């Protein structure tokens, strides 16, 4: 499997995430959530969601507020920690609702695949063809290929949050993604899996 980020960076990022888990309660979203669910590409940056109480505790970690992007940040060299909080941050699904959509993986609270797919789509729409936008597409494909997605639930959630264009956008990403080497699949296997996923989406 071709690694998207430098392995030294991803290992350092994982160590930081594990250290945070020992001290704080949070929900993992973003690239590390995609990894925990799919066991595919590791992440460089860390994205977590906290409630107000945990945010207060995090202030001892050299926290800075980004009013423009409605999030908090901790900078540790080349690794960014982005912290989203209830009733302040703007995610595709409001942070305060994410506690209704979590599962426990390796001791972490992680959003379920259907919700992560939607959050990743929101990030991909914002970041487009940038480097991080490419990683968003890679994570979206990893979730689709290696997680058990309930597309009926996915559709119910996008309907709840008025994200009706997301199904068409998702199908566009699948059709145009051709980096099968990132998933150790042959071109034939990849083409077949894409067709299966597209057919499943069309049935919902």
N, C-alpha and C. Protein backbone atom coordinates (compact mmCIF):
# COMPACT_ATOMS: atom_id res chain seq x y z
N UNK A 1 0.85 -1.20 0.00
CA UNK A 1 0.00 0.00 0.00
C UNK A 1 0.88 1.25 0.00
N UNK A 2 0.60 2.17 -0.90
CA UNK A 2 1.34 3.44 -0.94
C UNK A 2 0.86 4.35 0.18
N UNK A 3 1.79 4.82 1.01
CA UNK A 3 1.40 5.72 2.10
C UNK A 3 1.30 7.15 1.59
N UNK A 4 0.23 7.81 1.97
CA UNK A 4 0.00 9.18 1.51
C UNK A 4 0.91 10.16 2.23
N UNK A 5 1.06 9.99 3.54
CA UNK A 5 1.90 10.88 4.35
C UNK A 5 3.18 10.15 4.77
N UNK A 6 4.19 10.91 5.09
CA UNK A 6 5.45 10.37 5.61
C UNK A 6 5.19 9.55 6.88
N UNK A 7 5.74 8.33 6.94
CA UNK A 7 5.44 7.41 8.04
C UNK A 7 5.94 7.93 9.39
N UNK A 8 7.05 8.67 9.41
CA UNK A 8 7.53 9.24 10.68
C UNK A 8 6.52 10.22 11.25
N UNK A 9 5.93 11.02 10.37
CA UNK A 9 4.91 11.98 10.80
C UNK A 9 3.66 11.28 11.32
N UNK A 10 3.22 10.25 10.60
CA UNK A 10 1.98 9.57 11.02
C UNK A 10 2.19 8.84 12.35
N UNK A 11 3.39 8.28 12.56
CA UNK A 11 3.66 7.60 13.84
C UNK A 11 3.67 8.61 14.99
N UNK A 12 4.28 9.77 14.76
CA UNK A 12 4.29 10.82 15.78
C UNK A 12 2.87 11.30 16.08
N UNK A 13 2.08 11.46 15.02
CA UNK A 13 0.69 11.89 15.18
C UNK A 13 -0.11 10.88 16.00
N UNK A 14 0.10 9.59 15.71
CA UNK A 14 -0.60 8.53 16.45
C UNK A 14 -0.22 8.55 17.93
N UNK A 15 1.04 8.77 18.21
CA UNK A 15 1.50 8.86 19.60
C UNK A 15 0.81 10.02 20.33
N UNK A 16 0.69 11.15 19.64
CA UNK A 16 0.03 12.32 20.24
C UNK A 16 -1.45 12.01 20.50
N UNK A 17 -2.10 11.36 19.53
CA UNK A 17 -3.52 11.01 19.69
C UNK A 17 -3.73 10.09 20.88
N UNK A 18 -2.85 9.10 21.02
CA UNK A 18 -2.96 8.17 22.15
C UNK A 18 -2.71 8.87 23.48
N UNK A 19 -1.78 9.81 23.49
CA UNK A 19 -1.50 10.59 24.70
C UNK A 19 -2.71 11.44 25.08
N UNK A 20 -3.34 12.05 24.09
CA UNK A 20 -4.55 12.85 24.35
C UNK A 20 -5.65 11.97 24.94
N UNK A 21 -5.77 10.75 24.44
CA UNK A 21 -6.82 9.84 24.92
C UNK A 21 -6.63 9.51 26.40
N UNK A 22 -5.40 9.48 26.84
CA UNK A 22 -5.14 9.18 28.25
C UNK A 22 -5.58 10.31 29.17
N UNK A 23 -5.71 11.51 28.61
CA UNK A 23 -6.00 12.69 29.45
C UNK A 23 -7.38 13.30 29.24
N UNK A 24 -7.98 13.08 28.07
CA UNK A 24 -9.23 13.79 27.74
C UNK A 24 -10.26 12.86 27.10
N UNK A 25 -11.51 13.32 27.14
CA UNK A 25 -12.59 12.60 26.46
C UNK A 25 -12.92 13.34 25.16
N UNK A 26 -12.95 12.62 24.05
CA UNK A 26 -13.26 13.27 22.78
C UNK A 26 -13.76 12.23 21.78
N UNK A 27 -14.29 12.73 20.68
CA UNK A 27 -14.71 11.89 19.56
C UNK A 27 -13.73 12.10 18.42
N UNK A 28 -13.23 11.02 17.85
CA UNK A 28 -12.29 11.12 16.74
C UNK A 28 -13.07 11.23 15.43
N UNK A 29 -12.70 12.24 14.62
CA UNK A 29 -13.23 12.38 13.27
C UNK A 29 -12.01 12.49 12.33
N UNK A 30 -12.22 12.84 11.08
CA UNK A 30 -11.11 13.09 10.18
C UNK A 30 -10.34 11.83 9.79
N UNK A 31 -9.08 12.04 9.42
CA UNK A 31 -8.25 10.98 8.88
C UNK A 31 -8.00 9.82 9.83
N UNK A 32 -7.83 10.12 11.14
CA UNK A 32 -7.59 9.03 12.08
C UNK A 32 -8.84 8.19 12.29
N UNK A 33 -10.01 8.80 12.20
CA UNK A 33 -11.25 8.02 12.27
C UNK A 33 -11.33 7.09 11.07
N UNK A 34 -10.95 7.61 9.89
CA UNK A 34 -10.95 6.77 8.68
C UNK A 34 -10.00 5.60 8.84
N UNK A 35 -8.85 5.84 9.44
CA UNK A 35 -7.89 4.75 9.66
C UNK A 35 -8.43 3.73 10.66
N UNK A 36 -8.96 4.20 11.78
CA UNK A 36 -9.47 3.28 12.80
C UNK A 36 -10.60 2.40 12.26
N UNK A 37 -11.41 2.96 11.37
CA UNK A 37 -12.52 2.20 10.79
C UNK A 37 -12.09 1.28 9.65
N UNK A 38 -11.17 1.75 8.82
CA UNK A 38 -10.84 1.00 7.59
C UNK A 38 -9.49 0.29 7.65
N UNK A 39 -8.61 0.72 8.58
CA UNK A 39 -7.24 0.21 8.68
C UNK A 39 -6.45 0.41 7.37
N UNK A 40 -6.70 1.52 6.70
CA UNK A 40 -5.99 1.83 5.47
C UNK A 40 -4.96 2.94 5.70
N UNK A 41 -5.20 4.13 5.18
CA UNK A 41 -4.20 5.20 5.27
C UNK A 41 -4.18 5.86 6.64
N UNK A 42 -2.98 6.00 7.20
CA UNK A 42 -2.83 6.72 8.46
C UNK A 42 -2.91 8.23 8.21
N UNK A 43 -3.03 8.99 9.30
CA UNK A 43 -3.21 10.43 9.18
C UNK A 43 -2.02 11.20 9.73
N UNK A 44 -1.86 12.40 9.23
CA UNK A 44 -0.83 13.30 9.76
C UNK A 44 -1.43 14.23 10.81
N UNK A 45 -2.57 14.78 10.50
CA UNK A 45 -3.23 15.72 11.41
C UNK A 45 -4.29 15.01 12.25
N UNK A 46 -4.67 15.65 13.33
CA UNK A 46 -5.63 15.08 14.28
C UNK A 46 -6.87 15.97 14.32
N UNK A 47 -8.03 15.35 14.21
CA UNK A 47 -9.30 16.09 14.29
C UNK A 47 -10.16 15.43 15.36
N UNK A 48 -10.52 16.21 16.38
CA UNK A 48 -11.35 15.67 17.46
C UNK A 48 -12.49 16.63 17.80
N UNK A 49 -13.52 16.07 18.42
CA UNK A 49 -14.67 16.86 18.87
C UNK A 49 -14.77 16.71 20.39
N UNK A 50 -14.92 17.84 21.07
CA UNK A 50 -15.03 17.82 22.54
C UNK A 50 -16.23 18.65 22.98
N UNK A 51 -16.71 18.36 24.20
CA UNK A 51 -17.75 19.23 24.76
C UNK A 51 -17.08 20.39 25.49
N UNK A 52 -17.88 21.27 26.03
CA UNK A 52 -17.35 22.49 26.66
C UNK A 52 -16.45 22.17 27.86
N UNK A 53 -16.83 21.15 28.65
CA UNK A 53 -16.04 20.79 29.83
C UNK A 53 -14.63 20.33 29.45
N UNK A 54 -14.55 19.49 28.42
CA UNK A 54 -13.24 19.01 27.99
C UNK A 54 -12.43 20.14 27.36
N UNK A 55 -13.10 21.04 26.69
CA UNK A 55 -12.42 22.18 26.09
C UNK A 55 -11.71 23.01 27.16
N UNK A 56 -12.38 23.19 28.29
CA UNK A 56 -11.76 23.94 29.40
C UNK A 56 -10.48 23.25 29.87
N UNK A 57 -10.52 21.91 29.95
CA UNK A 57 -9.33 21.16 30.39
C UNK A 57 -8.21 21.27 29.36
N UNK A 58 -8.57 21.30 28.08
CA UNK A 58 -7.58 21.36 27.01
C UNK A 58 -6.83 22.68 26.95
N UNK A 59 -7.34 23.68 27.65
CA UNK A 59 -6.71 25.01 27.57
C UNK A 59 -5.28 25.01 28.12
N UNK A 60 -4.94 23.99 28.89
CA UNK A 60 -3.56 23.92 29.39
C UNK A 60 -2.60 23.37 28.33
N UNK A 61 -3.12 23.01 27.16
CA UNK A 61 -2.30 22.43 26.09
C UNK A 61 -1.88 23.47 25.03
N UNK A 62 -1.78 24.72 25.42
CA UNK A 62 -1.38 25.78 24.47
C UNK A 62 -2.38 25.90 23.32
N UNK A 63 -3.64 25.97 23.71
CA UNK A 63 -4.76 26.02 22.77
C UNK A 63 -4.91 27.42 22.19
N UNK A 64 -5.17 27.50 20.90
CA UNK A 64 -5.49 28.80 20.28
C UNK A 64 -6.84 28.70 19.58
N UNK A 65 -7.54 29.83 19.52
CA UNK A 65 -8.88 29.87 18.94
C UNK A 65 -8.81 30.43 17.53
N UNK A 66 -9.46 29.73 16.59
CA UNK A 66 -9.52 30.19 15.21
C UNK A 66 -10.95 30.60 14.91
N UNK A 67 -11.26 31.89 15.12
CA UNK A 67 -12.63 32.37 14.95
C UNK A 67 -13.10 32.27 13.50
N UNK A 68 -12.19 32.43 12.57
CA UNK A 68 -12.55 32.38 11.15
C UNK A 68 -13.08 31.00 10.77
N UNK A 69 -12.39 29.95 11.24
CA UNK A 69 -12.78 28.59 10.91
C UNK A 69 -13.60 27.91 12.01
N UNK A 70 -13.91 28.66 13.06
CA UNK A 70 -14.78 28.17 14.14
C UNK A 70 -14.25 26.87 14.77
N UNK A 71 -12.98 26.90 15.14
CA UNK A 71 -12.39 25.73 15.78
C UNK A 71 -11.26 26.19 16.68
N UNK A 72 -10.73 25.26 17.47
CA UNK A 72 -9.55 25.51 18.29
C UNK A 72 -8.40 24.70 17.72
N UNK A 73 -7.18 25.12 18.00
CA UNK A 73 -6.02 24.46 17.40
C UNK A 73 -4.89 24.32 18.41
N UNK A 74 -4.14 23.23 18.25
CA UNK A 74 -2.88 23.05 18.97
C UNK A 74 -1.83 22.73 17.90
N UNK A 75 -0.76 23.49 17.87
CA UNK A 75 0.31 23.26 16.90
C UNK A 75 1.45 22.48 17.57
N UNK A 76 1.84 21.37 16.97
CA UNK A 76 2.98 20.61 17.49
C UNK A 76 3.88 20.26 16.31
N UNK A 77 4.74 21.20 15.95
CA UNK A 77 5.62 20.99 14.80
C UNK A 77 4.82 20.90 13.51
N UNK A 78 4.99 19.81 12.77
CA UNK A 78 4.30 19.65 11.48
C UNK A 78 2.91 19.04 11.63
N UNK A 79 2.53 18.71 12.87
CA UNK A 79 1.24 18.05 13.10
C UNK A 79 0.26 19.06 13.69
N UNK A 80 -0.88 19.20 13.04
CA UNK A 80 -1.93 20.10 13.52
C UNK A 80 -2.99 19.30 14.25
N UNK A 81 -3.42 19.81 15.39
CA UNK A 81 -4.55 19.23 16.12
C UNK A 81 -5.69 20.22 16.03
N UNK A 82 -6.76 19.83 15.35
CA UNK A 82 -7.94 20.68 15.21
C UNK A 82 -9.02 20.17 16.15
N UNK A 83 -9.56 21.08 16.94
CA UNK A 83 -10.53 20.72 17.98
C UNK A 83 -11.84 21.45 17.70
N UNK A 84 -12.88 20.67 17.53
CA UNK A 84 -14.21 21.21 17.24
C UNK A 84 -15.08 21.03 18.48
N UNK A 85 -15.92 22.02 18.75
CA UNK A 85 -16.70 21.94 19.98
C UNK A 85 -18.17 22.28 19.75
N UNK A 86 -19.00 21.80 20.67
CA UNK A 86 -20.46 21.94 20.54
C UNK A 86 -20.89 23.40 20.46
N UNK A 87 -21.87 23.65 19.61
CA UNK A 87 -22.55 24.95 19.49
C UNK A 87 -21.61 26.10 19.10
N UNK A 88 -20.45 25.75 18.58
CA UNK A 88 -19.52 26.78 18.10
C UNK A 88 -18.97 26.40 16.72
N UNK A 89 -18.45 25.20 16.63
CA UNK A 89 -17.81 24.78 15.37
C UNK A 89 -18.85 24.44 14.31
N UNK A 90 -18.45 24.64 13.07
CA UNK A 90 -19.33 24.37 11.93
C UNK A 90 -18.81 23.15 11.16
N UNK A 91 -19.44 22.02 11.39
CA UNK A 91 -19.15 20.82 10.62
C UNK A 91 -20.39 20.47 9.81
N UNK A 92 -20.23 19.56 8.87
CA UNK A 92 -21.36 19.15 8.03
C UNK A 92 -22.52 18.65 8.89
N UNK A 93 -22.18 17.91 9.94
CA UNK A 93 -23.14 17.53 10.97
C UNK A 93 -22.71 18.25 12.24
N UNK A 94 -23.61 18.97 12.92
CA UNK A 94 -23.20 19.75 14.09
C UNK A 94 -22.46 18.90 15.12
N UNK A 95 -21.36 19.42 15.68
CA UNK A 95 -20.58 18.65 16.66
C UNK A 95 -21.42 18.10 17.82
N UNK A 96 -22.40 18.88 18.27
CA UNK A 96 -23.20 18.44 19.41
C UNK A 96 -24.08 17.23 19.08
N UNK A 97 -24.27 16.94 17.79
CA UNK A 97 -25.06 15.77 17.40
C UNK A 97 -24.22 14.50 17.24
N UNK A 98 -22.91 14.66 17.15
CA UNK A 98 -22.06 13.50 16.82
C UNK A 98 -22.04 12.44 17.91
N UNK A 99 -22.33 12.84 19.16
CA UNK A 99 -22.36 11.83 20.24
C UNK A 99 -23.43 10.78 20.01
N UNK A 100 -24.40 11.07 19.14
CA UNK A 100 -25.45 10.11 18.82
C UNK A 100 -25.01 9.09 17.78
N UNK A 101 -23.80 9.26 17.25
CA UNK A 101 -23.35 8.42 16.14
C UNK A 101 -21.92 7.92 16.38
N UNK A 102 -21.68 7.30 17.52
CA UNK A 102 -20.31 6.85 17.78
C UNK A 102 -20.25 5.37 18.10
N UNK A 103 -19.06 4.81 17.86
CA UNK A 103 -18.77 3.44 18.27
C UNK A 103 -17.39 3.45 18.94
N UNK A 104 -17.09 2.41 19.67
CA UNK A 104 -15.80 2.33 20.39
C UNK A 104 -14.85 1.44 19.59
N UNK A 105 -13.70 1.98 19.20
CA UNK A 105 -12.69 1.23 18.46
C UNK A 105 -11.32 1.48 19.10
N UNK A 106 -10.68 0.40 19.52
CA UNK A 106 -9.36 0.49 20.16
C UNK A 106 -9.34 1.51 21.29
N UNK A 107 -10.44 1.59 22.02
CA UNK A 107 -10.53 2.51 23.15
C UNK A 107 -10.90 3.93 22.80
N UNK A 108 -11.04 4.22 21.52
CA UNK A 108 -11.43 5.56 21.07
C UNK A 108 -12.92 5.62 20.77
N UNK A 109 -13.54 6.77 21.06
CA UNK A 109 -14.88 7.05 20.55
C UNK A 109 -14.72 7.57 19.13
N UNK A 110 -15.27 6.86 18.16
CA UNK A 110 -15.11 7.18 16.75
C UNK A 110 -16.49 7.28 16.12
N UNK A 111 -16.70 8.27 15.25
CA UNK A 111 -17.98 8.36 14.57
C UNK A 111 -18.19 7.13 13.68
N UNK A 112 -19.43 6.73 13.51
CA UNK A 112 -19.74 5.55 12.69
C UNK A 112 -19.42 5.84 11.22
N UNK A 113 -19.22 4.80 10.40
CA UNK A 113 -18.77 5.01 9.01
C UNK A 113 -19.69 5.92 8.19
N UNK A 114 -21.01 5.77 8.36
CA UNK A 114 -21.94 6.60 7.57
C UNK A 114 -21.75 8.08 7.86
N UNK A 115 -21.53 8.41 9.14
CA UNK A 115 -21.33 9.81 9.54
C UNK A 115 -19.95 10.31 9.11
N UNK A 116 -18.94 9.47 9.26
CA UNK A 116 -17.60 9.89 8.83
C UNK A 116 -17.59 10.15 7.32
N UNK A 117 -18.28 9.32 6.58
CA UNK A 117 -18.38 9.51 5.13
C UNK A 117 -18.95 10.90 4.82
N UNK A 118 -19.99 11.29 5.53
CA UNK A 118 -20.62 12.60 5.32
C UNK A 118 -19.68 13.73 5.75
N UNK A 119 -19.02 13.59 6.89
CA UNK A 119 -18.06 14.61 7.34
C UNK A 119 -16.90 14.75 6.35
N UNK A 120 -16.42 13.60 5.86
CA UNK A 120 -15.32 13.62 4.88
C UNK A 120 -15.78 14.27 3.57
N UNK A 121 -17.02 14.03 3.18
CA UNK A 121 -17.53 14.68 1.97
C UNK A 121 -17.58 16.20 2.15
N UNK A 122 -17.97 16.65 3.34
CA UNK A 122 -17.98 18.08 3.61
C UNK A 122 -16.60 18.68 3.50
N UNK A 123 -15.60 17.97 4.04
CA UNK A 123 -14.21 18.44 3.95
C UNK A 123 -13.73 18.44 2.51
N UNK A 124 -14.08 17.39 1.76
CA UNK A 124 -13.64 17.29 0.36
C UNK A 124 -14.24 18.41 -0.49
N UNK A 125 -15.48 18.75 -0.25
CA UNK A 125 -16.12 19.84 -0.98
C UNK A 125 -15.40 21.16 -0.70
N UNK A 126 -15.00 21.36 0.55
CA UNK A 126 -14.30 22.60 0.94
C UNK A 126 -12.88 22.66 0.36
N UNK A 127 -12.20 21.49 0.29
CA UNK A 127 -10.78 21.50 -0.04
C UNK A 127 -10.48 21.10 -1.49
N UNK A 128 -11.45 20.54 -2.19
CA UNK A 128 -11.33 20.27 -3.62
C UNK A 128 -10.09 19.51 -4.02
N UNK A 129 -9.32 20.08 -4.94
CA UNK A 129 -8.14 19.40 -5.50
C UNK A 129 -6.83 19.71 -4.77
N UNK A 130 -6.92 20.32 -3.59
CA UNK A 130 -5.72 20.57 -2.80
C UNK A 130 -5.16 19.23 -2.31
N UNK A 131 -3.96 19.25 -1.71
CA UNK A 131 -3.36 18.02 -1.20
C UNK A 131 -4.27 17.35 -0.17
N UNK A 132 -4.82 18.17 0.75
CA UNK A 132 -5.71 17.60 1.77
C UNK A 132 -7.03 17.14 1.15
N UNK A 133 -7.45 17.80 0.08
CA UNK A 133 -8.64 17.35 -0.64
C UNK A 133 -8.43 15.99 -1.28
N UNK A 134 -7.22 15.74 -1.77
CA UNK A 134 -6.88 14.42 -2.32
C UNK A 134 -6.93 13.35 -1.23
N UNK A 135 -6.42 13.72 -0.04
CA UNK A 135 -6.47 12.77 1.08
C UNK A 135 -7.91 12.51 1.50
N UNK A 136 -8.77 13.54 1.44
CA UNK A 136 -10.19 13.34 1.73
C UNK A 136 -10.80 12.30 0.79
N UNK A 137 -10.49 12.41 -0.49
CA UNK A 137 -11.02 11.44 -1.47
C UNK A 137 -10.50 10.04 -1.17
N UNK A 138 -9.23 9.94 -0.80
CA UNK A 138 -8.63 8.65 -0.46
C UNK A 138 -9.35 8.04 0.75
N UNK A 139 -9.62 8.87 1.75
CA UNK A 139 -10.32 8.39 2.95
C UNK A 139 -11.76 7.98 2.62
N UNK A 140 -12.41 8.74 1.77
CA UNK A 140 -13.78 8.40 1.35
C UNK A 140 -13.80 7.03 0.68
N UNK A 141 -12.84 6.79 -0.20
CA UNK A 141 -12.79 5.49 -0.88
C UNK A 141 -12.44 4.37 0.10
N UNK A 142 -11.55 4.64 1.06
CA UNK A 142 -11.20 3.62 2.06
C UNK A 142 -12.43 3.23 2.88
N UNK A 143 -13.22 4.22 3.27
CA UNK A 143 -14.45 3.94 4.04
C UNK A 143 -15.40 3.09 3.20
N UNK A 144 -15.57 3.45 1.94
CA UNK A 144 -16.49 2.72 1.06
C UNK A 144 -16.02 1.29 0.80
N UNK A 145 -14.72 1.13 0.62
CA UNK A 145 -14.18 -0.18 0.24
C UNK A 145 -14.00 -1.13 1.42
N UNK A 146 -13.72 -0.59 2.61
CA UNK A 146 -13.30 -1.46 3.71
C UNK A 146 -14.19 -1.36 4.96
N UNK A 147 -15.28 -0.60 4.89
CA UNK A 147 -16.21 -0.53 6.01
C UNK A 147 -17.58 -1.06 5.56
N UNK A 148 -18.32 -1.52 6.52
CA UNK A 148 -19.67 -2.01 6.24
C UNK A 148 -20.62 -0.82 6.29
N UNK A 149 -20.92 -0.25 5.14
CA UNK A 149 -21.75 0.97 5.07
C UNK A 149 -23.21 0.60 4.92
N UNK A 150 -24.03 1.17 5.77
CA UNK A 150 -25.48 1.05 5.62
C UNK A 150 -25.96 2.27 4.84
N UNK A 151 -26.15 2.11 3.53
CA UNK A 151 -26.48 3.26 2.70
C UNK A 151 -27.87 3.82 2.97
N UNK A 152 -28.74 2.99 3.51
CA UNK A 152 -30.06 3.50 3.91
C UNK A 152 -29.90 4.50 5.06
N UNK A 153 -29.05 4.13 6.04
CA UNK A 153 -28.77 5.05 7.16
C UNK A 153 -28.07 6.31 6.65
N UNK A 154 -27.11 6.13 5.74
CA UNK A 154 -26.40 7.28 5.13
C UNK A 154 -27.42 8.24 4.51
N UNK A 155 -28.36 7.70 3.74
CA UNK A 155 -29.36 8.54 3.09
C UNK A 155 -30.25 9.25 4.11
N UNK A 156 -30.62 8.55 5.17
CA UNK A 156 -31.46 9.16 6.22
C UNK A 156 -30.75 10.34 6.88
N UNK A 157 -29.45 10.18 7.10
CA UNK A 157 -28.69 11.25 7.77
C UNK A 157 -28.51 12.46 6.85
N UNK A 158 -28.19 12.21 5.56
CA UNK A 158 -28.03 13.37 4.68
C UNK A 158 -29.36 14.10 4.46
N UNK A 159 -30.46 13.34 4.51
CA UNK A 159 -31.78 13.97 4.40
C UNK A 159 -32.06 14.81 5.64
N UNK A 160 -31.72 14.29 6.82
CA UNK A 160 -31.94 15.00 8.08
C UNK A 160 -31.24 16.35 8.09
N UNK A 161 -30.03 16.40 7.51
CA UNK A 161 -29.24 17.64 7.53
C UNK A 161 -29.27 18.39 6.19
N UNK A 162 -30.25 18.06 5.36
CA UNK A 162 -30.47 18.76 4.08
C UNK A 162 -29.22 18.80 3.20
N UNK A 163 -28.60 17.63 3.04
CA UNK A 163 -27.38 17.51 2.23
C UNK A 163 -27.67 16.68 0.98
N UNK A 164 -28.74 17.04 0.30
CA UNK A 164 -29.27 16.21 -0.79
C UNK A 164 -28.31 16.04 -1.97
N UNK A 165 -27.38 16.97 -2.14
CA UNK A 165 -26.43 16.85 -3.26
C UNK A 165 -25.30 15.86 -2.98
N UNK A 166 -25.23 15.33 -1.75
CA UNK A 166 -24.11 14.48 -1.36
C UNK A 166 -24.09 13.13 -2.08
N UNK A 167 -25.24 12.58 -2.40
CA UNK A 167 -25.26 11.29 -3.08
C UNK A 167 -24.63 11.41 -4.47
N UNK A 168 -25.03 12.44 -5.21
CA UNK A 168 -24.47 12.65 -6.55
C UNK A 168 -22.97 12.92 -6.48
N UNK A 169 -22.56 13.72 -5.50
CA UNK A 169 -21.14 14.02 -5.35
C UNK A 169 -20.36 12.76 -5.01
N UNK A 170 -20.92 11.92 -4.16
CA UNK A 170 -20.25 10.68 -3.78
C UNK A 170 -20.06 9.78 -5.01
N UNK A 171 -21.08 9.66 -5.82
CA UNK A 171 -20.98 8.84 -7.03
C UNK A 171 -19.95 9.41 -8.00
N UNK A 172 -19.86 10.72 -8.07
CA UNK A 172 -18.86 11.37 -8.92
C UNK A 172 -17.44 11.01 -8.45
N UNK A 173 -17.22 11.07 -7.13
CA UNK A 173 -15.90 10.74 -6.58
C UNK A 173 -15.54 9.29 -6.90
N UNK A 174 -16.49 8.38 -6.70
CA UNK A 174 -16.23 6.96 -6.95
C UNK A 174 -15.87 6.73 -8.41
N UNK A 175 -16.65 7.30 -9.30
CA UNK A 175 -16.43 7.09 -10.74
C UNK A 175 -15.06 7.60 -11.18
N UNK A 176 -14.60 8.70 -10.58
CA UNK A 176 -13.39 9.36 -11.04
C UNK A 176 -12.14 8.99 -10.26
N UNK A 177 -12.28 8.16 -9.24
CA UNK A 177 -11.12 7.76 -8.43
C UNK A 177 -10.50 6.51 -9.04
N UNK A 178 -9.22 6.58 -9.38
CA UNK A 178 -8.57 5.45 -10.06
C UNK A 178 -7.29 4.96 -9.40
N UNK A 179 -7.00 5.44 -8.20
CA UNK A 179 -5.75 5.08 -7.53
C UNK A 179 -5.89 3.75 -6.78
N UNK A 180 -6.08 2.68 -7.54
CA UNK A 180 -6.28 1.35 -6.93
C UNK A 180 -5.04 0.89 -6.15
N UNK A 181 -3.86 1.39 -6.53
CA UNK A 181 -2.61 0.99 -5.87
C UNK A 181 -2.57 1.36 -4.40
N UNK A 182 -3.34 2.38 -4.02
CA UNK A 182 -3.36 2.80 -2.61
C UNK A 182 -4.04 1.76 -1.72
N UNK A 183 -4.76 0.82 -2.33
CA UNK A 183 -5.51 -0.16 -1.55
C UNK A 183 -5.09 -1.61 -1.84
N UNK A 184 -3.94 -1.77 -2.50
CA UNK A 184 -3.45 -3.11 -2.82
C UNK A 184 -4.48 -3.93 -3.59
N UNK A 185 -5.19 -3.30 -4.49
CA UNK A 185 -6.16 -3.99 -5.33
C UNK A 185 -5.66 -4.00 -6.77
N UNK A 186 -6.02 -5.03 -7.52
CA UNK A 186 -5.70 -5.03 -8.95
C UNK A 186 -6.71 -4.13 -9.65
N UNK A 187 -6.39 -3.65 -10.86
CA UNK A 187 -7.36 -2.82 -11.60
C UNK A 187 -8.72 -3.51 -11.75
N UNK A 188 -8.71 -4.81 -11.99
CA UNK A 188 -9.96 -5.56 -12.17
C UNK A 188 -10.76 -5.60 -10.87
N UNK A 189 -10.07 -5.89 -9.75
CA UNK A 189 -10.75 -5.93 -8.44
C UNK A 189 -11.34 -4.57 -8.10
N UNK A 190 -10.56 -3.53 -8.37
CA UNK A 190 -11.00 -2.17 -8.05
C UNK A 190 -12.22 -1.77 -8.88
N UNK A 191 -12.18 -2.07 -10.16
CA UNK A 191 -13.30 -1.76 -11.05
C UNK A 191 -14.57 -2.48 -10.60
N UNK A 192 -14.43 -3.74 -10.22
CA UNK A 192 -15.57 -4.52 -9.77
C UNK A 192 -16.16 -3.97 -8.48
N UNK A 193 -15.28 -3.63 -7.51
CA UNK A 193 -15.76 -3.08 -6.23
C UNK A 193 -16.45 -1.73 -6.43
N UNK A 194 -15.90 -0.90 -7.31
CA UNK A 194 -16.54 0.39 -7.59
C UNK A 194 -17.94 0.18 -8.15
N UNK A 195 -18.07 -0.76 -9.07
CA UNK A 195 -19.38 -1.04 -9.67
C UNK A 195 -20.37 -1.53 -8.62
N UNK A 196 -19.91 -2.41 -7.73
CA UNK A 196 -20.77 -2.93 -6.67
C UNK A 196 -21.27 -1.80 -5.76
N UNK A 197 -20.35 -0.90 -5.39
CA UNK A 197 -20.72 0.22 -4.51
C UNK A 197 -21.69 1.16 -5.21
N UNK A 198 -21.42 1.50 -6.45
CA UNK A 198 -22.31 2.39 -7.22
C UNK A 198 -23.70 1.77 -7.37
N UNK A 199 -23.75 0.47 -7.64
CA UNK A 199 -25.04 -0.21 -7.78
C UNK A 199 -25.82 -0.17 -6.47
N UNK A 200 -25.08 -0.34 -5.36
CA UNK A 200 -25.73 -0.31 -4.04
C UNK A 200 -26.28 1.09 -3.73
N UNK A 201 -25.53 2.12 -4.09
CA UNK A 201 -26.00 3.49 -3.86
C UNK A 201 -27.24 3.78 -4.72
N UNK A 202 -27.22 3.32 -5.95
CA UNK A 202 -28.36 3.58 -6.85
C UNK A 202 -29.65 2.93 -6.33
N UNK A 203 -29.51 1.89 -5.54
CA UNK A 203 -30.71 1.18 -5.04
C UNK A 203 -31.37 1.87 -3.85
N UNK A 204 -30.69 2.80 -3.22
CA UNK A 204 -31.26 3.43 -2.03
C UNK A 204 -32.31 4.48 -2.38
